[in-house]
Amino acid sequence: MIRKWLAMAAGLVLLPGASAWGADAINSGDTSWVIVSTALVMMMTPAGLALFYSGMSRYKNLLNTFAMTLVAYCLASVIWVVWGYTLAFGPDHGGIIGGMNHLFLNGMDVNSVTGTIPTYVFVLFQLTFAGITVALVLGSIVDRMKFSSWIVFAALWITFIYCPVAHWVWGGGWMAKMGALDFAGGNVVHINAGVAGLMLALVLGKRKGYGREAMFPSSVALSALGAALLWFGWFGFNAGSALAANGVAGSAFLATNTSAAMAALAWMGAEWFIAKHPTVLGLASGVVAGLVAITPAAGFVNLQASLIIGLVAGVLGYFSVSKLKLKMGYDDSLDAFGVHGLCGIWGALATGLFASPAISGASGFFYGNPKQVGIQLVSIAATIAFTAVGTLMVVYITKWVTGGLRVPVEQEVEGLDSAVHGERAFEIG
């Protein structure tokens, strides 16, 4: 539970010139690794995710998808340093939320230390997680949400949904005290974002022509490039969550790469067998499914477990996208729920099954601790319930504030690149 204790340490009110662990606590190797990891995770949102999502959107909405991803990261960057960090990592209040002690990062300076790294570095590392989580929600609703409504929704959602869940798991809240395992964001990032996306998609309704006309991705090449950048950045996401340049970081790095590769092969195999074509988009999506599933487990499981987690994630992701969505009838545009929500649930559950005490001390079902599975299930159910209800509340507040969530029909038909931004991604003809 390395990350949990370091996150709790970040909630201390630090006086100028003081440190949480002593004036000589900073480790240059740990600090360098977490700074690099922060840069890697930052790249995942305005570069990797933006390309991955934009390439899957229709050509007339490519720039709008890019803009909504970019503005989500910008909003998170400001909100986090003003009030988001203190809500997530401030002194615990009843296991539910952090106190306001660190509003505008009050009580910190260049000498403040969290664990073995500067507190400012810890703040920035956590900021990148908030940024990508809210941007992931976008995948469920591209092509049809007002840009202004997205801005309001994103700001409210970060504040009232992301920050509490982050506090529960990493900030010393009730899930941490219960012993829930979430190394880098199964509950906090992927289940949270996937469920939120589904709720928002259900309220917005289906895209015009959904199920009746073809909706081809604008550029599979862009999506494949985006997936590659996400894969690269995910090493900072998972291995960086050790918050130290140590063996746990190395193990998380290995598990991350292995799960991603295994899931890509599993998705490709399932698609090839059933649909008779191994698509590039399927391979790219499989990579992301494997990365999602290993995220909560990365610092707790061994190589063998990462192979199993990736295998299941690839098959689960393919069937959720190709079968479940069609059977259930919801319009999850870019499959944020199917990939992040469902594979995140699998990853959180798998952590309770495969956590090995040889990695970081935590034991799962297969290592003599069946109670961990129950703890993981409680954390999963609580995240789903809170996110579903809370997101619906945020959605209806946003609708009231902005006078509606959905773009006019004529703008949807024209395309949001032109109608909203006055731009075109490609010159055609």
Protein backbone atom coordinates (compact mmCIF):
# COMPACT_ATOMS: atom_id res chain seq x y z
CA MET A 1 0.00 0.00 0.00
CA ILE A 2 2.88 2.32 -0.81
CA ARG A 3 0.84 4.89 -2.66
CA LYS A 4 -1.80 5.11 0.05
CA TRP A 5 0.68 6.06 2.77
CA LEU A 6 2.44 8.61 0.60
CA ALA A 7 -0.87 10.13 -0.40
CA MET A 8 -1.86 10.41 3.25
CA ALA A 9 1.44 12.12 3.96
CA ALA A 10 0.58 14.71 1.33
CA GLY A 11 -2.38 15.80 3.45
CA LEU A 12 -0.13 17.29 6.12
CA VAL A 13 -0.09 21.06 6.50
CA LEU A 14 3.55 21.90 5.86
CA LEU A 15 5.11 25.07 7.13
CA PRO A 16 7.53 27.03 4.92
CA GLY A 17 10.97 25.45 5.15
CA ALA A 18 9.61 22.27 6.76
CA SER A 19 9.21 18.81 5.28
CA ALA A 20 6.97 15.89 6.10
CA TRP A 21 9.89 13.51 6.54
CA GLY A 22 12.83 15.75 7.36
CA ALA A 23 14.95 18.26 5.45
CA ASP A 24 17.09 15.54 3.81
CA ALA A 25 14.20 13.29 2.78
CA ILE A 26 14.25 14.10 -0.95
CA ASN A 27 15.67 11.29 -3.05
CA SER A 28 16.95 12.59 -6.37
CA GLY A 29 16.38 9.29 -8.16
CA ASP A 30 12.78 9.01 -6.97
CA THR A 31 12.14 12.66 -7.78
CA SER A 32 13.57 12.34 -11.29
CA TRP A 33 11.48 9.24 -12.00
CA VAL A 34 8.22 10.81 -10.78
CA ILE A 35 8.90 14.01 -12.77
CA VAL A 36 9.43 11.91 -15.90
CA SER A 37 6.32 9.86 -15.07
CA THR A 38 4.30 13.06 -14.67
CA ALA A 39 5.39 14.21 -18.12
CA LEU A 40 4.49 10.80 -19.56
CA VAL A 41 1.00 10.86 -18.06
CA MET A 42 0.47 14.47 -19.15
CA MET A 43 1.24 13.42 -22.74
CA MET A 44 -1.46 10.76 -22.54
CA THR A 45 -4.33 13.26 -22.54
CA PRO A 46 -3.74 16.14 -25.01
CA ALA A 47 -1.69 13.86 -27.30
CA GLY A 48 -2.45 10.14 -26.89
CA LEU A 49 -6.11 10.21 -25.89
CA ALA A 50 -6.89 13.16 -28.14
CA LEU A 51 -5.52 11.30 -31.17
CA PHE A 52 -7.10 7.99 -30.16
CA TYR A 53 -10.54 9.52 -29.70
CA SER A 54 -10.32 11.95 -32.63
CA GLY A 55 -9.36 9.21 -35.05
CA MET A 56 -12.39 7.17 -34.00
CA SER A 57 -14.80 10.09 -34.33
CA ARG A 58 -16.35 11.02 -37.65
CA TYR A 59 -14.31 13.36 -39.90
CA LYS A 60 -16.72 16.26 -39.33
CA ASN A 61 -16.24 16.06 -35.55
CA LEU A 62 -12.52 15.32 -35.33
CA LEU A 63 -11.44 18.80 -34.19
CA ASN A 64 -14.34 19.08 -31.75
CA THR A 65 -13.26 15.81 -30.12
CA PHE A 66 -9.69 17.10 -29.93
CA ALA A 67 -10.85 20.42 -28.47
CA MET A 68 -13.03 18.78 -25.82
CA THR A 69 -10.12 16.55 -24.76
CA LEU A 70 -7.73 19.49 -24.58
CA VAL A 71 -10.10 21.77 -22.68
CA ALA A 72 -10.80 19.00 -20.16
CA TYR A 73 -7.09 18.77 -19.35
CA CYS A 74 -6.80 22.55 -19.09
CA LEU A 75 -9.76 22.72 -16.71
CA ALA A 76 -8.34 19.93 -14.56
CA SER A 77 -4.96 21.67 -14.41
CA VAL A 78 -6.47 24.83 -12.95
CA ILE A 79 -9.10 23.22 -10.72
CA TRP A 80 -6.58 20.81 -9.22
CA VAL A 81 -4.14 23.43 -7.96
CA VAL A 82 -6.89 25.75 -6.72
CA TRP A 83 -9.24 23.37 -4.88
CA GLY A 84 -9.11 19.85 -6.36
CA TYR A 85 -5.93 18.68 -4.65
CA THR A 86 -7.05 19.69 -1.18
CA LEU A 87 -10.42 17.97 -1.64
CA ALA A 88 -8.65 14.76 -2.65
CA PHE A 89 -5.58 14.85 -0.40
CA GLY A 90 -6.35 17.32 2.36
CA PRO A 91 -6.84 16.13 5.96
CA ASP A 92 -9.51 13.43 6.05
CA HIS A 93 -13.05 14.35 7.08
CA GLY A 94 -15.06 11.26 7.98
CA GLY A 95 -13.38 9.16 5.32
CA ILE A 96 -15.37 11.05 2.66
CA ILE A 97 -13.48 14.18 1.59
CA GLY A 98 -10.33 16.13 2.28
CA GLY A 99 -10.28 19.43 4.13
CA MET A 100 -9.65 22.84 2.58
CA ASN A 101 -6.26 23.31 4.23
CA HIS A 102 -4.42 23.28 0.90
CA LEU A 103 -6.65 25.67 -1.06
CA PHE A 104 -4.40 27.25 -3.73
CA LEU A 105 -1.75 24.79 -2.42
CA ASN A 106 -1.63 26.71 0.84
CA GLY A 107 1.01 25.49 3.30
CA MET A 108 3.43 24.20 0.64
CA ASP A 109 6.66 25.59 -0.73
CA VAL A 110 9.73 24.31 -2.56
CA ASN A 111 10.99 22.62 0.60
CA SER A 112 7.81 20.62 1.27
CA VAL A 113 8.28 16.90 0.91
CA THR A 114 5.92 13.97 0.43
CA GLY A 115 7.63 10.65 1.03
CA THR A 116 10.91 11.04 -0.85
CA ILE A 117 9.79 13.56 -3.49
CA PRO A 118 8.90 17.28 -3.41
CA THR A 119 5.21 17.80 -2.64
CA TYR A 120 4.84 19.99 -5.73
CA VAL A 121 5.88 16.99 -7.84
CA PHE A 122 3.34 14.79 -6.07
CA VAL A 123 0.64 17.41 -6.71
CA LEU A 124 1.49 17.57 -10.40
CA PHE A 125 1.58 13.79 -10.76
CA GLN A 126 -1.90 13.54 -9.26
CA LEU A 127 -3.09 16.43 -11.46
CA THR A 128 -2.40 14.42 -14.60
CA PHE A 129 -4.67 11.62 -13.32
CA ALA A 130 -7.55 14.04 -12.78
CA GLY A 131 -7.01 15.41 -16.28
CA ILE A 132 -7.14 12.11 -18.11
CA THR A 133 -10.05 10.75 -16.06
CA VAL A 134 -12.49 13.49 -17.00
CA ALA A 135 -11.27 13.37 -20.61
CA LEU A 136 -12.02 9.63 -20.78
CA VAL A 137 -15.71 10.39 -20.11
CA LEU A 138 -15.79 12.20 -23.44
CA GLY A 139 -15.54 8.92 -25.33
CA SER A 140 -19.17 8.10 -24.61
CA ILE A 141 -20.69 11.31 -25.97
CA VAL A 142 -18.72 12.65 -28.94
CA ASP A 143 -20.67 14.02 -31.92
CA ARG A 144 -23.57 15.45 -29.93
CA MET A 145 -22.76 17.45 -26.77
CA LYS A 146 -22.56 21.24 -26.66
CA PHE A 147 -19.01 22.49 -26.14
CA SER A 148 -20.18 24.95 -23.46
CA SER A 149 -22.08 22.20 -21.64
CA TRP A 150 -19.01 19.96 -21.72
CA ILE A 151 -16.93 22.68 -20.07
CA VAL A 152 -19.43 23.14 -17.25
CA PHE A 153 -19.92 19.39 -16.83
CA ALA A 154 -16.17 18.71 -16.71
CA ALA A 155 -15.55 21.37 -14.05
CA LEU A 156 -18.39 20.10 -11.85
CA TRP A 157 -17.52 16.45 -12.36
CA ILE A 158 -13.87 16.86 -11.37
CA THR A 159 -14.94 18.69 -8.22
CA PHE A 160 -17.85 16.59 -7.02
CA ILE A 161 -17.13 13.11 -8.42
CA TYR A 162 -13.43 12.65 -9.14
CA CYS A 163 -12.04 14.35 -6.03
CA PRO A 164 -14.15 12.38 -3.51
CA VAL A 165 -13.34 9.01 -5.11
CA ALA A 166 -9.63 9.90 -5.24
CA HIS A 167 -9.80 10.78 -1.55
CA TRP A 168 -11.54 7.51 -0.68
CA VAL A 169 -8.81 5.45 -2.32
CA TRP A 170 -5.57 7.45 -2.21
CA GLY A 171 -6.20 10.28 0.22
CA GLY A 172 -6.78 8.25 3.39
CA GLY A 173 -10.55 7.87 2.95
CA TRP A 174 -12.81 4.98 3.80
CA MET A 175 -11.74 2.67 0.97
CA ALA A 176 -8.09 3.04 1.96
CA LYS A 177 -8.95 2.28 5.57
CA MET A 178 -10.96 -0.75 4.46
CA GLY A 179 -7.91 -2.07 2.61
CA ALA A 180 -9.09 -1.71 -1.00
CA LEU A 181 -6.25 -2.16 -3.49
CA ASP A 182 -6.03 0.28 -6.40
CA PHE A 183 -2.45 0.88 -7.45
CA ALA A 184 -2.96 3.40 -10.24
CA GLY A 185 -6.67 3.97 -10.81
CA GLY A 186 -9.03 1.05 -11.41
CA ASN A 187 -11.74 2.64 -9.29
CA VAL A 188 -10.54 6.23 -9.32
CA VAL A 189 -9.91 6.51 -13.06
CA HIS A 190 -11.45 3.79 -15.19
CA ILE A 191 -14.60 2.60 -13.42
CA ASN A 192 -15.28 6.21 -12.48
CA ALA A 193 -14.92 7.52 -16.03
CA GLY A 194 -16.63 4.56 -17.70
CA VAL A 195 -19.75 4.72 -15.55
CA ALA A 196 -19.90 8.51 -15.85
CA GLY A 197 -19.70 8.25 -19.62
CA LEU A 198 -22.54 5.74 -19.73
CA MET A 199 -24.76 7.95 -17.56
CA LEU A 200 -24.08 11.00 -19.70
CA ALA A 201 -24.69 9.04 -22.91
CA LEU A 202 -28.02 7.72 -21.64
CA VAL A 203 -29.23 11.23 -20.81
CA LEU A 204 -28.02 12.72 -24.10
CA GLY A 205 -29.56 9.97 -26.18
CA LYS A 206 -28.30 8.35 -29.35
CA ARG A 207 -26.59 10.15 -32.19
CA LYS A 208 -28.79 11.06 -35.12
CA GLY A 209 -28.80 8.10 -37.49
CA TYR A 210 -27.24 5.71 -34.97
CA GLY A 211 -27.95 2.12 -35.98
CA ARG A 212 -29.31 3.21 -39.38
CA GLU A 213 -26.31 4.72 -41.10
CA ALA A 214 -22.61 3.94 -41.17
CA MET A 215 -20.46 6.02 -38.83
CA PHE A 216 -16.92 5.42 -39.99
CA PRO A 217 -13.91 6.62 -37.98
CA SER A 218 -12.16 9.60 -39.51
CA SER A 219 -8.68 8.07 -39.31
CA VAL A 220 -7.76 4.64 -37.98
CA ALA A 221 -4.13 5.69 -38.44
CA LEU A 222 -4.58 8.55 -35.95
CA SER A 223 -6.25 6.20 -33.47
CA ALA A 224 -3.43 3.66 -33.79
CA LEU A 225 -0.87 6.42 -33.20
CA GLY A 226 -2.89 7.61 -30.21
CA ALA A 227 -2.97 4.10 -28.77
CA ALA A 228 0.81 3.83 -29.15
CA LEU A 229 1.27 7.13 -27.29
CA LEU A 230 -1.12 5.96 -24.58
CA TRP A 231 0.86 2.73 -24.22
CA PHE A 232 4.10 4.70 -23.89
CA GLY A 233 2.61 7.17 -21.42
CA TRP A 234 1.00 4.40 -19.38
CA PHE A 235 4.42 3.37 -18.10
CA GLY A 236 4.42 6.65 -16.19
CA PHE A 237 0.80 6.10 -15.21
CA ASN A 238 1.44 2.70 -13.62
CA ALA A 239 5.15 2.44 -12.83
CA GLY A 240 5.19 6.05 -11.68
CA SER A 241 2.51 5.24 -9.13
CA ALA A 242 5.13 3.53 -7.01
CA LEU A 243 6.32 7.13 -6.38
CA ALA A 244 9.86 5.77 -6.25
CA ALA A 245 12.50 4.35 -8.56
CA ASN A 246 12.41 0.88 -7.04
CA GLY A 247 11.57 -2.75 -7.65
CA VAL A 248 7.82 -2.21 -7.40
CA ALA A 249 8.04 0.37 -10.18
CA GLY A 250 9.97 -2.11 -12.30
CA SER A 251 7.45 -4.86 -11.64
CA ALA A 252 4.56 -2.52 -12.49
CA PHE A 253 6.34 -1.54 -15.72
CA LEU A 254 6.71 -5.21 -16.71
CA ALA A 255 3.11 -6.09 -15.83
CA THR A 256 1.80 -3.08 -17.75
CA ASN A 257 3.57 -3.91 -20.98
CA THR A 258 2.72 -7.61 -20.75
CA SER A 259 -0.98 -7.08 -20.10
CA ALA A 260 -1.29 -4.58 -22.96
CA ALA A 261 0.38 -6.91 -25.44
CA MET A 262 -1.61 -9.95 -24.29
CA ALA A 263 -4.90 -8.06 -24.50
CA ALA A 264 -4.13 -6.82 -28.01
CA LEU A 265 -3.47 -10.36 -29.16
CA ALA A 266 -6.61 -11.64 -27.42
CA TRP A 267 -8.80 -8.89 -28.97
CA MET A 268 -7.29 -9.59 -32.39
CA GLY A 269 -7.86 -13.32 -32.02
CA ALA A 270 -11.48 -12.93 -30.93
CA GLU A 271 -12.21 -10.47 -33.74
CA TRP A 272 -10.44 -12.60 -36.35
CA PHE A 273 -12.35 -15.70 -35.29
CA ILE A 274 -15.79 -14.06 -35.09
CA ALA A 275 -15.71 -11.17 -37.59
CA LYS A 276 -13.13 -12.79 -39.90
CA HIS A 277 -10.96 -9.65 -40.01
CA PRO A 278 -8.11 -8.68 -37.65
CA THR A 279 -8.50 -4.90 -37.74
CA VAL A 280 -5.91 -2.31 -36.80
CA LEU A 281 -8.51 -0.51 -34.67
CA GLY A 282 -9.16 -3.79 -32.87
CA LEU A 283 -5.46 -4.22 -32.10
CA ALA A 284 -5.24 -0.63 -30.83
CA SER A 285 -8.38 -1.04 -28.72
CA GLY A 286 -7.02 -4.28 -27.29
CA VAL A 287 -3.88 -2.50 -26.16
CA VAL A 288 -6.00 0.06 -24.31
CA ALA A 289 -8.20 -2.66 -22.76
CA GLY A 290 -5.13 -4.42 -21.39
CA LEU A 291 -3.69 -1.18 -20.03
CA VAL A 292 -6.98 -0.38 -18.31
CA ALA A 293 -7.29 -3.79 -16.69
CA ILE A 294 -3.73 -3.87 -15.33
CA THR A 295 -3.91 -0.34 -13.90
CA PRO A 296 -5.30 -1.22 -10.43
CA ALA A 297 -3.17 -4.36 -10.24
CA ALA A 298 0.16 -3.23 -11.69
CA GLY A 299 2.06 -2.85 -8.44
CA PHE A 300 0.52 -5.90 -6.78
CA VAL A 301 0.66 -8.78 -9.29
CA ASN A 302 3.38 -10.87 -10.92
CA LEU A 303 4.11 -11.62 -14.57
CA GLN A 304 1.87 -14.68 -14.76
CA ALA A 305 -1.11 -12.76 -13.41
CA SER A 306 -0.55 -9.92 -15.88
CA LEU A 307 -0.83 -12.41 -18.75
CA ILE A 308 -4.18 -13.66 -17.44
CA ILE A 309 -5.47 -10.14 -16.76
CA GLY A 310 -4.56 -9.06 -20.28
CA LEU A 311 -6.06 -12.15 -21.90
CA VAL A 312 -9.43 -11.68 -20.19
CA ALA A 313 -9.40 -7.92 -20.83
CA GLY A 314 -8.90 -8.38 -24.57
CA VAL A 315 -11.77 -10.83 -24.93
CA LEU A 316 -14.03 -8.87 -22.55
CA GLY A 317 -13.32 -5.61 -24.35
CA TYR A 318 -14.09 -7.06 -27.76
CA PHE A 319 -17.40 -8.62 -26.72
CA SER A 320 -18.49 -5.51 -24.80
CA VAL A 321 -17.91 -3.36 -27.88
CA SER A 322 -19.16 -5.72 -30.58
CA LYS A 323 -21.99 -7.52 -28.78
CA LEU A 324 -23.06 -6.07 -25.43
CA LYS A 325 -23.50 -2.48 -26.62
CA LEU A 326 -25.66 -3.55 -29.54
CA LYS A 327 -27.75 -5.88 -27.39
CA MET A 328 -28.31 -3.27 -24.67
CA GLY A 329 -29.00 -0.52 -27.22
CA TYR A 330 -27.02 2.36 -25.70
CA ASP A 331 -24.86 4.68 -27.82
CA ASP A 332 -21.43 4.74 -26.20
CA SER A 333 -19.78 6.53 -29.12
CA LEU A 334 -16.15 5.50 -28.61
CA ASP A 335 -16.76 2.74 -26.05
CA ALA A 336 -15.58 4.51 -22.91
CA PHE A 337 -17.86 2.32 -20.80
CA GLY A 338 -17.17 -0.88 -22.72
CA VAL A 339 -13.39 -0.56 -22.47
CA HIS A 340 -12.70 1.60 -19.43
CA GLY A 341 -15.73 0.76 -17.31
CA LEU A 342 -15.94 -3.00 -17.81
CA CYS A 343 -12.23 -3.70 -18.13
CA GLY A 344 -11.64 -1.46 -15.12
CA ILE A 345 -14.10 -3.58 -13.12
CA TRP A 346 -12.29 -6.73 -14.23
CA GLY A 347 -8.93 -5.24 -13.27
CA ALA A 348 -10.12 -4.20 -9.81
CA LEU A 349 -11.56 -7.67 -9.19
CA ALA A 350 -8.45 -9.36 -10.58
CA THR A 351 -6.33 -7.38 -8.13
CA GLY A 352 -8.20 -9.08 -5.30
CA LEU A 353 -7.56 -12.45 -6.92
CA PHE A 354 -3.91 -12.18 -7.91
CA ALA A 355 -2.24 -9.69 -5.52
CA SER A 356 1.04 -11.31 -4.51
CA PRO A 357 2.74 -10.54 -1.18
CA ALA A 358 6.09 -10.97 -2.92
CA ILE A 359 5.49 -7.77 -4.90
CA SER A 360 4.38 -5.19 -2.35
CA GLY A 361 3.05 -7.10 0.64
CA ALA A 362 -0.65 -7.34 -0.30
CA SER A 363 -2.24 -10.78 -0.65
CA GLY A 364 -5.16 -11.77 -2.84
CA PHE A 365 -7.43 -14.81 -3.05
CA PHE A 366 -4.82 -17.10 -4.62
CA TYR A 367 -2.32 -16.20 -1.90
CA GLY A 368 -4.48 -17.12 1.06
CA ASN A 369 -6.59 -13.98 1.51
CA PRO A 370 -10.10 -14.55 0.12
CA LYS A 371 -11.39 -11.52 2.07
CA GLN A 372 -9.60 -9.26 -0.39
CA VAL A 373 -12.05 -10.23 -3.13
CA GLY A 374 -14.95 -9.08 -0.95
CA ILE A 375 -13.18 -5.81 -0.20
CA GLN A 376 -12.60 -5.25 -3.92
CA LEU A 377 -16.24 -5.98 -4.72
CA VAL A 378 -17.41 -3.47 -2.12
CA SER A 379 -15.11 -0.82 -3.56
CA ILE A 380 -16.29 -1.55 -7.11
CA ALA A 381 -19.99 -1.44 -6.16
CA ALA A 382 -19.54 1.77 -4.16
CA THR A 383 -17.71 3.49 -7.01
CA ILE A 384 -20.37 2.47 -9.52
CA ALA A 385 -23.24 3.62 -7.30
CA PHE A 386 -21.66 6.92 -6.29
CA THR A 387 -20.50 7.75 -9.80
CA ALA A 388 -23.82 6.84 -11.42
CA VAL A 389 -25.96 8.87 -9.04
CA GLY A 390 -23.47 11.72 -8.68
CA THR A 391 -22.91 12.03 -12.41
CA LEU A 392 -26.65 12.19 -13.07
CA MET A 393 -26.90 15.04 -10.57
CA VAL A 394 -24.02 16.85 -12.27
CA VAL A 395 -25.62 16.25 -15.68
CA TYR A 396 -28.92 17.82 -14.67
CA ILE A 397 -27.21 20.77 -12.97
CA THR A 398 -25.22 21.31 -16.16
CA LYS A 399 -28.38 21.10 -18.24
CA TRP A 400 -30.01 23.75 -16.05
CA VAL A 401 -26.99 26.06 -16.11
CA THR A 402 -26.36 25.86 -19.86
CA GLY A 403 -29.93 25.58 -21.10
CA GLY A 404 -29.48 22.09 -22.54
CA LEU A 405 -26.81 19.50 -23.19
CA ARG A 406 -27.19 18.59 -26.82
CA VAL A 407 -26.27 20.51 -29.95
CA PRO A 408 -29.10 21.51 -32.31
CA VAL A 409 -29.95 18.92 -34.97
CA GLU A 410 -28.68 21.11 -37.79
CA GLN A 411 -25.28 21.42 -36.10
CA GLU A 412 -25.09 17.68 -35.54
CA VAL A 413 -25.80 17.07 -39.22
CA GLU A 414 -23.35 19.73 -40.38
CA GLY A 415 -20.60 18.57 -38.03
CA LEU A 416 -19.28 20.27 -34.92
CA ASP A 417 -15.90 21.19 -36.37
CA SER A 418 -17.54 23.64 -38.71
CA ALA A 419 -20.65 24.58 -36.72
CA VAL A 420 -18.94 25.16 -33.36
CA HIS A 421 -15.29 25.92 -34.12
CA GLY A 422 -15.45 27.28 -37.67
CA GLU A 423 -12.66 24.92 -38.71
CA ARG A 424 -12.09 21.73 -40.69
CA ALA A 425 -9.61 18.98 -39.87
CA PHE A 426 -9.14 18.01 -43.51
CA GLU A 427 -9.49 19.80 -46.81
CA ILE A 428 -11.61 17.51 -48.95
CA GLY A 429 -11.89 18.02 -52.70
